[in-house]
Amino acid sequence: MMVVTGAAGFIGSNLVRGLNRRGIDAVIAVDDLTEGDKFVNLVDCRIADYMDKDEFRRRVADGSLPPIEAVLHQGACSDTTERNGRYMLDNNYRVTLELFEFCQARRVPFLYASSASVYGAGPVYAEDPRNEQPLNVYGYSKFLFDQVLRRRLPALTAQVVGLRYFNVYGPHEQHKGRMASVALHNMNQFRAEGHVRLFGGWDGYGDGMQSRDFISVEDVVAVNLHFLDHPQQSGIFNCGTGRAQPFNDVATAVVNTLRQAEGQPALALEQLAAQGLIRYVPFPDDLKGRYQSYTQADLTRLREAGFEAPMRDVQTGVAEYVRAWLGQDGAGR
């Protein structure tokens, strides 16, 4: 039996699909469906059981779970603006620690979601404590458990892998609201208003040229499955593309894919801006000094761990996502 926590969420539900594609249906899906609309993310998934996160936590503590082959721990509070530190550290750090101890006691592989937020403002995004300076309590909650893993690495009884996700986008994130990807916000905005708004220039970057490492959720799933296939590998690894791309690239891919779905030709960025299809707004004062203008994952350690597959660039991955969002390839929204 496999366990996926956060299974009704964005990355979690895509991981369940990735397991299903391998013929693995013996999955315990763990989540909190207080916000019941997230159930739609599991409708096309095959699972053996659903368990509320509080019941799962109790059963971890009392040892009453059935035999487990691996735990893919994606459940967390992912709201980077959440300021309740007690809640964040219990939900993100303490639960992760409890699952880690559970898996170590039973020699069960444990893969968990860390975050690129541990790097703070950067500018170096390589897995080294010297580069880590989280800017909010969310980032700190992820950073804190990463330090536990580093201390315990020499004495592990089973695989433990922390994956530092960069800017993930893809199907089944519709429930995330303002925490959804830039791509989804661009899609919704263009459909509603006929244009996409991006931040104007600031911090040495031109209009829409602030850049992030945007990674398709399909590539995130592939990285997770790679480590499941290589249980001898443990550690903390970046999970990005290794390629920073500007917000302009995301918006251009979104608008052109939506235009092509309507039988209209693709346009260059300059044409999209000239026609008002991409518009720039002044950079907000309250974000100055608190904004990541550039992120790019150092993939040295991931590649050394044997993950050799190419990562989708924004032009490819976002176009796939838009077509899925439109239902053109059957993936739904």
Protein backbone atom coordinates (compact mmCIF):
# COMPACT_ATOMS: atom_id res chain seq x y z
CA MET A 1 0.00 0.00 0.00
CA MET A 2 1.29 3.46 -0.96
CA VAL A 3 0.38 6.62 0.95
CA VAL A 4 0.01 10.02 -0.72
CA THR A 5 -0.74 12.88 1.66
CA GLY A 6 -2.27 16.05 0.25
CA ALA A 7 -3.76 13.64 -2.30
CA ALA A 8 -6.69 15.88 -3.22
CA GLY A 9 -4.34 18.80 -3.77
CA PHE A 10 -2.45 19.91 -6.84
CA ILE A 11 0.81 17.95 -6.77
CA GLY A 12 -0.65 15.14 -4.66
CA SER A 13 -3.46 14.31 -7.09
CA ASN A 14 -1.04 14.37 -10.01
CA LEU A 15 1.21 11.96 -8.11
CA VAL A 16 -1.73 9.59 -7.62
CA ARG A 17 -2.31 9.71 -11.39
CA GLY A 18 1.37 9.02 -11.97
CA LEU A 19 1.14 5.93 -9.74
CA ASN A 20 -2.08 4.87 -11.48
CA ARG A 21 -0.35 5.08 -14.87
CA ARG A 22 2.10 2.51 -13.53
CA GLY A 23 -0.76 0.24 -12.54
CA ILE A 24 -0.47 1.13 -8.85
CA ASP A 25 -3.98 1.49 -7.44
CA ALA A 26 -3.28 0.41 -3.86
CA VAL A 27 -3.06 4.00 -2.64
CA ILE A 28 -4.28 5.52 0.60
CA ALA A 29 -5.22 9.11 -0.24
CA VAL A 30 -4.84 11.39 2.78
CA ASP A 31 -6.18 14.94 2.83
CA ASP A 32 -8.49 17.44 4.51
CA LEU A 33 -11.72 17.90 2.55
CA THR A 34 -13.18 20.57 4.78
CA GLU A 35 -13.19 22.55 1.53
CA GLY A 36 -15.07 19.83 -0.28
CA ASP A 37 -14.63 21.15 -3.81
CA LYS A 38 -11.17 19.61 -3.92
CA PHE A 39 -12.81 16.20 -4.35
CA VAL A 40 -12.87 16.85 -8.12
CA ASN A 41 -9.11 16.28 -8.21
CA LEU A 42 -9.62 12.66 -7.16
CA VAL A 43 -12.58 11.76 -9.36
CA ASP A 44 -10.42 10.27 -12.12
CA CYS A 45 -7.93 8.67 -9.70
CA ARG A 46 -7.95 5.05 -8.57
CA ILE A 47 -7.37 4.70 -4.83
CA ALA A 48 -7.84 1.95 -2.26
CA ASP A 49 -8.94 4.23 0.59
CA TYR A 50 -9.40 7.84 1.59
CA MET A 51 -8.38 8.98 5.06
CA ASP A 52 -8.81 12.35 6.75
CA LYS A 53 -5.48 13.86 7.72
CA ASP A 54 -6.35 13.92 11.46
CA GLU A 55 -7.33 10.25 11.46
CA PHE A 56 -4.16 9.42 9.55
CA ARG A 57 -2.05 11.33 12.07
CA ARG A 58 -3.69 9.43 14.94
CA ARG A 59 -3.11 6.09 13.22
CA VAL A 60 0.53 6.96 12.58
CA ALA A 61 0.87 7.69 16.29
CA ASP A 62 -0.84 4.47 17.46
CA GLY A 63 0.67 2.23 14.78
CA SER A 64 -2.67 0.96 13.44
CA LEU A 65 -2.04 1.57 9.73
CA PRO A 66 -1.79 -1.41 7.35
CA PRO A 67 1.65 -2.29 5.95
CA ILE A 68 3.00 0.64 3.92
CA GLU A 69 5.41 0.43 0.96
CA ALA A 70 6.21 4.15 0.69
CA VAL A 71 4.92 7.56 1.80
CA LEU A 72 4.78 10.50 -0.60
CA HIS A 73 4.14 13.40 1.73
CA GLN A 74 2.73 16.41 -0.11
CA GLY A 75 0.28 17.61 2.54
CA ALA A 76 1.09 21.04 3.95
CA CYS A 77 -0.15 24.57 4.35
CA SER A 78 1.22 26.06 1.13
CA ASP A 79 0.04 29.63 1.71
CA THR A 80 3.27 31.61 1.81
CA THR A 81 1.41 34.58 3.31
CA GLU A 82 0.13 32.61 6.33
CA ARG A 83 1.57 34.28 9.44
CA ASN A 84 0.28 31.93 12.15
CA GLY A 85 3.58 30.32 13.07
CA ARG A 86 2.10 27.81 15.54
CA TYR A 87 -0.24 26.47 12.88
CA MET A 88 2.43 26.46 10.18
CA LEU A 89 5.04 24.66 12.25
CA ASP A 90 2.60 22.04 13.51
CA ASN A 91 1.11 21.41 10.07
CA ASN A 92 4.31 21.55 8.03
CA TYR A 93 7.16 20.68 10.38
CA ARG A 94 5.76 18.54 13.20
CA VAL A 95 3.61 16.31 10.97
CA THR A 96 6.55 15.76 8.64
CA LEU A 97 8.74 14.83 11.59
CA GLU A 98 6.15 12.35 12.89
CA LEU A 99 5.87 10.69 9.48
CA PHE A 100 9.65 10.59 9.16
CA GLU A 101 9.97 8.77 12.51
CA PHE A 102 7.13 6.41 11.56
CA CYS A 103 8.81 5.51 8.26
CA GLN A 104 12.26 5.15 9.79
CA ALA A 105 10.94 2.78 12.45
CA ARG A 106 9.40 0.60 9.74
CA ARG A 107 12.14 1.03 7.10
CA VAL A 108 9.67 2.64 4.68
CA PRO A 109 10.81 5.06 1.93
CA PHE A 110 9.69 8.63 2.66
CA LEU A 111 9.54 11.33 -0.02
CA TYR A 112 8.40 14.76 1.10
CA ALA A 113 7.76 18.18 -0.38
CA SER A 114 10.29 20.80 0.57
CA SER A 115 10.31 24.17 -1.19
CA ALA A 116 12.53 26.62 -3.04
CA SER A 117 11.24 29.20 -0.55
CA VAL A 118 14.02 28.05 1.81
CA TYR A 119 16.43 30.04 -0.38
CA GLY A 120 14.69 33.34 0.30
CA ALA A 121 15.94 36.05 -2.02
CA GLY A 122 18.79 33.89 -3.35
CA PRO A 123 20.74 34.56 -5.50
CA VAL A 124 22.25 31.04 -5.39
CA TYR A 125 19.75 28.17 -5.55
CA ALA A 126 21.92 25.17 -4.69
CA GLU A 127 21.27 22.75 -1.82
CA ASP A 128 23.69 24.17 0.73
CA PRO A 129 22.93 25.80 4.12
CA ARG A 130 24.99 28.82 3.08
CA ASN A 131 22.36 29.63 0.44
CA GLU A 132 19.30 29.24 2.68
CA GLN A 133 17.60 32.24 4.27
CA PRO A 134 13.81 31.84 4.27
CA LEU A 135 11.82 35.08 4.23
CA ASN A 136 8.56 33.82 5.79
CA VAL A 137 7.34 31.23 8.27
CA TYR A 138 6.25 28.92 5.45
CA GLY A 139 9.80 28.80 4.14
CA TYR A 140 11.10 28.37 7.67
CA SER A 141 8.76 25.40 8.30
CA LYS A 142 10.28 23.64 5.27
CA PHE A 143 13.82 24.70 6.14
CA LEU A 144 13.46 23.35 9.66
CA PHE A 145 12.72 19.78 8.63
CA ASP A 146 15.41 19.84 5.94
CA GLN A 147 17.89 20.40 8.77
CA VAL A 148 16.54 17.32 10.58
CA LEU A 149 17.15 15.24 7.48
CA ARG A 150 20.68 16.55 7.12
CA ARG A 151 21.48 15.60 10.71
CA ARG A 152 19.96 12.14 10.34
CA LEU A 153 21.31 11.24 6.89
CA PRO A 154 24.26 9.16 8.14
CA ALA A 155 22.01 6.85 10.16
CA LEU A 156 18.92 6.41 7.98
CA THR A 157 17.21 3.02 7.97
CA ALA A 158 15.33 3.72 4.71
CA GLN A 159 15.24 6.25 1.91
CA VAL A 160 14.31 9.84 2.72
CA VAL A 161 14.14 12.45 -0.07
CA GLY A 162 13.21 16.11 0.24
CA LEU A 163 12.29 17.77 -3.07
CA ARG A 164 12.55 21.53 -3.22
CA TYR A 165 9.79 22.46 -5.64
CA PHE A 166 10.24 25.65 -7.60
CA ASN A 167 7.29 27.32 -9.42
CA VAL A 168 5.03 24.39 -10.30
CA TYR A 169 2.15 24.75 -12.76
CA GLY A 170 -0.28 22.36 -14.38
CA PRO A 171 -3.73 20.77 -14.24
CA HIS A 172 -5.71 20.36 -11.02
CA GLU A 173 -4.59 23.50 -9.19
CA GLN A 174 -7.89 25.36 -9.63
CA HIS A 175 -8.64 25.19 -5.87
CA LYS A 176 -5.50 27.11 -4.87
CA GLY A 177 -6.96 30.59 -5.40
CA ARG A 178 -4.34 33.32 -5.21
CA MET A 179 -1.66 30.70 -4.50
CA ALA A 180 -2.23 29.11 -7.93
CA SER A 181 0.42 29.38 -10.61
CA VAL A 182 1.04 32.43 -12.75
CA ALA A 183 -0.10 30.40 -15.75
CA LEU A 184 -3.55 29.76 -14.28
CA HIS A 185 -3.95 33.40 -13.25
CA ASN A 186 -2.98 34.46 -16.79
CA MET A 187 -5.51 32.03 -18.28
CA ASN A 188 -8.35 33.23 -16.08
CA GLN A 189 -7.49 36.87 -16.66
CA PHE A 190 -7.32 36.55 -20.43
CA ARG A 191 -10.60 34.67 -20.62
CA ALA A 192 -12.33 37.21 -18.37
CA GLU A 193 -10.79 40.49 -19.55
CA GLY A 194 -9.19 39.83 -22.92
CA HIS A 195 -5.70 40.67 -21.72
CA VAL A 196 -3.01 39.64 -19.25
CA ARG A 197 -1.44 42.02 -16.74
CA LEU A 198 2.19 41.69 -15.69
CA PHE A 199 4.40 43.77 -13.42
CA GLY A 200 6.34 46.55 -15.07
CA GLY A 201 10.08 46.93 -14.74
CA TRP A 202 11.82 47.10 -11.37
CA ASP A 203 14.97 45.88 -9.64
CA GLY A 204 16.97 46.08 -12.86
CA TYR A 205 14.47 44.04 -14.87
CA GLY A 206 12.43 45.31 -17.81
CA ASP A 207 8.66 45.03 -18.15
CA GLY A 208 7.62 41.44 -17.49
CA MET A 209 11.23 40.31 -17.40
CA GLN A 210 11.37 39.18 -13.77
CA SER A 211 12.21 35.49 -14.16
CA ARG A 212 11.46 32.29 -12.29
CA ASP A 213 12.15 28.60 -12.68
CA PHE A 214 8.72 27.39 -13.84
CA ILE A 215 8.29 23.59 -13.80
CA SER A 216 5.42 21.50 -15.16
CA VAL A 217 3.74 19.25 -12.63
CA GLU A 218 4.34 16.38 -15.07
CA ASP A 219 8.08 16.83 -14.59
CA VAL A 220 7.59 17.01 -10.81
CA VAL A 221 5.80 13.65 -10.94
CA ALA A 222 8.64 12.19 -13.02
CA VAL A 223 11.21 13.29 -10.43
CA ASN A 224 9.21 11.73 -7.60
CA LEU A 225 8.85 8.44 -9.48
CA HIS A 226 12.58 8.43 -10.24
CA PHE A 227 13.37 8.43 -6.54
CA LEU A 228 10.77 5.75 -5.84
CA ASP A 229 12.63 3.64 -8.40
CA HIS A 230 15.99 4.30 -6.72
CA PRO A 231 15.43 3.65 -3.01
CA GLN A 232 19.16 3.73 -2.30
CA GLN A 233 19.22 7.51 -2.90
CA SER A 234 18.48 9.93 -0.07
CA GLY A 235 18.97 13.64 0.48
CA ILE A 236 17.65 17.06 -0.46
CA PHE A 237 17.29 17.83 -4.15
CA ASN A 238 16.07 20.81 -6.15
CA CYS A 239 13.03 20.12 -8.31
CA GLY A 240 13.02 22.74 -11.03
CA THR A 241 14.02 22.91 -14.68
CA GLY A 242 17.36 24.63 -14.19
CA ARG A 243 16.10 27.30 -16.59
CA ALA A 244 14.87 30.73 -15.50
CA GLN A 245 12.29 32.22 -17.85
CA PRO A 246 10.57 35.61 -17.73
CA PHE A 247 6.90 36.11 -16.89
CA ASN A 248 6.60 37.39 -20.46
CA ASP A 249 7.22 33.84 -21.70
CA VAL A 250 4.39 32.45 -19.57
CA ALA A 251 1.95 35.13 -20.70
CA THR A 252 2.93 34.74 -24.35
CA ALA A 253 2.46 30.96 -24.20
CA VAL A 254 -0.94 31.36 -22.51
CA VAL A 255 -2.29 34.02 -24.86
CA ASN A 256 -1.03 32.38 -28.04
CA THR A 257 -2.36 28.94 -27.10
CA LEU A 258 -5.76 30.45 -26.29
CA ARG A 259 -5.69 32.42 -29.55
CA GLN A 260 -4.81 29.33 -31.55
CA ALA A 261 -7.72 27.47 -29.96
CA GLU A 262 -9.93 30.17 -31.49
CA GLY A 263 -8.28 29.87 -34.90
CA GLN A 264 -6.19 33.02 -34.47
CA PRO A 265 -2.47 33.22 -35.28
CA ALA A 266 0.29 33.32 -32.69
CA LEU A 267 1.88 36.72 -32.16
CA ALA A 268 5.29 37.83 -30.97
CA LEU A 269 5.54 39.46 -27.54
CA GLU A 270 5.96 42.89 -29.08
CA GLN A 271 2.76 42.43 -31.09
CA LEU A 272 0.85 41.17 -28.06
CA ALA A 273 1.94 44.22 -26.08
CA ALA A 274 1.22 46.64 -28.95
CA GLN A 275 -2.31 45.25 -29.26
CA GLY A 276 -2.89 45.48 -25.50
CA LEU A 277 -3.19 41.72 -25.08
CA ILE A 278 -0.34 41.85 -22.58
CA ARG A 279 -0.31 44.96 -20.37
CA TYR A 280 2.16 46.12 -17.74
CA VAL A 281 1.19 47.64 -14.41
CA PRO A 282 3.50 49.56 -12.05
CA PHE A 283 5.46 47.30 -9.72
CA PRO A 284 3.70 47.41 -6.31
CA ASP A 285 5.50 49.40 -3.63
CA ASP A 286 4.61 46.86 -0.93
CA LEU A 287 6.49 44.10 -2.80
CA LYS A 288 9.69 46.03 -3.28
CA GLY A 289 12.43 44.34 -1.33
CA ARG A 290 10.22 41.28 -0.64
CA TYR A 291 10.00 39.79 -4.11
CA GLN A 292 11.99 37.10 -5.87
CA SER A 293 12.87 38.72 -9.18
CA TYR A 294 14.93 35.73 -10.29
CA THR A 295 15.05 32.02 -9.36
CA GLN A 296 16.84 29.19 -11.11
CA ALA A 297 17.33 25.74 -9.66
CA ASP A 298 20.84 24.31 -9.62
CA LEU A 299 20.19 20.77 -10.86
CA THR A 300 23.69 19.41 -10.26
CA ARG A 301 22.64 17.10 -7.42
CA LEU A 302 19.47 15.94 -9.17
CA ARG A 303 21.41 15.02 -12.30
CA GLU A 304 24.08 13.30 -10.22
CA ALA A 305 21.27 11.22 -8.69
CA GLY A 306 20.57 9.85 -12.15
CA PHE A 307 17.52 11.85 -13.20
CA GLU A 308 18.39 12.49 -16.85
CA ALA A 309 15.04 13.30 -18.45
CA PRO A 310 14.75 16.73 -20.09
CA MET A 311 12.43 19.23 -18.44
CA ARG A 312 9.72 21.04 -20.37
CA ASP A 313 10.40 24.69 -21.11
CA VAL A 314 7.61 27.20 -20.50
CA GLN A 315 6.62 27.31 -24.16
CA THR A 316 5.99 23.55 -24.19
CA GLY A 317 4.65 22.96 -20.69
CA VAL A 318 2.33 25.94 -20.49
CA ALA A 319 0.87 25.20 -23.92
CA GLU A 320 0.15 21.63 -22.75
CA TYR A 321 -1.49 23.05 -19.63
CA VAL A 322 -3.69 25.50 -21.53
CA ARG A 323 -4.89 22.75 -23.87
CA ALA A 324 -5.67 20.54 -20.88
CA TRP A 325 -7.49 23.44 -19.22
CA LEU A 326 -9.59 23.87 -22.34
CA GLY A 327 -10.33 20.14 -22.33
CA GLN A 328 -8.84 19.69 -25.79
CA ASP A 329 -6.70 16.74 -24.76
CA GLY A 330 -9.21 15.16 -22.38
CA ALA A 331 -7.30 16.08 -19.21
CA GLY A 332 -9.92 18.54 -18.04
CA ARG A 333 -9.22 21.46 -15.79
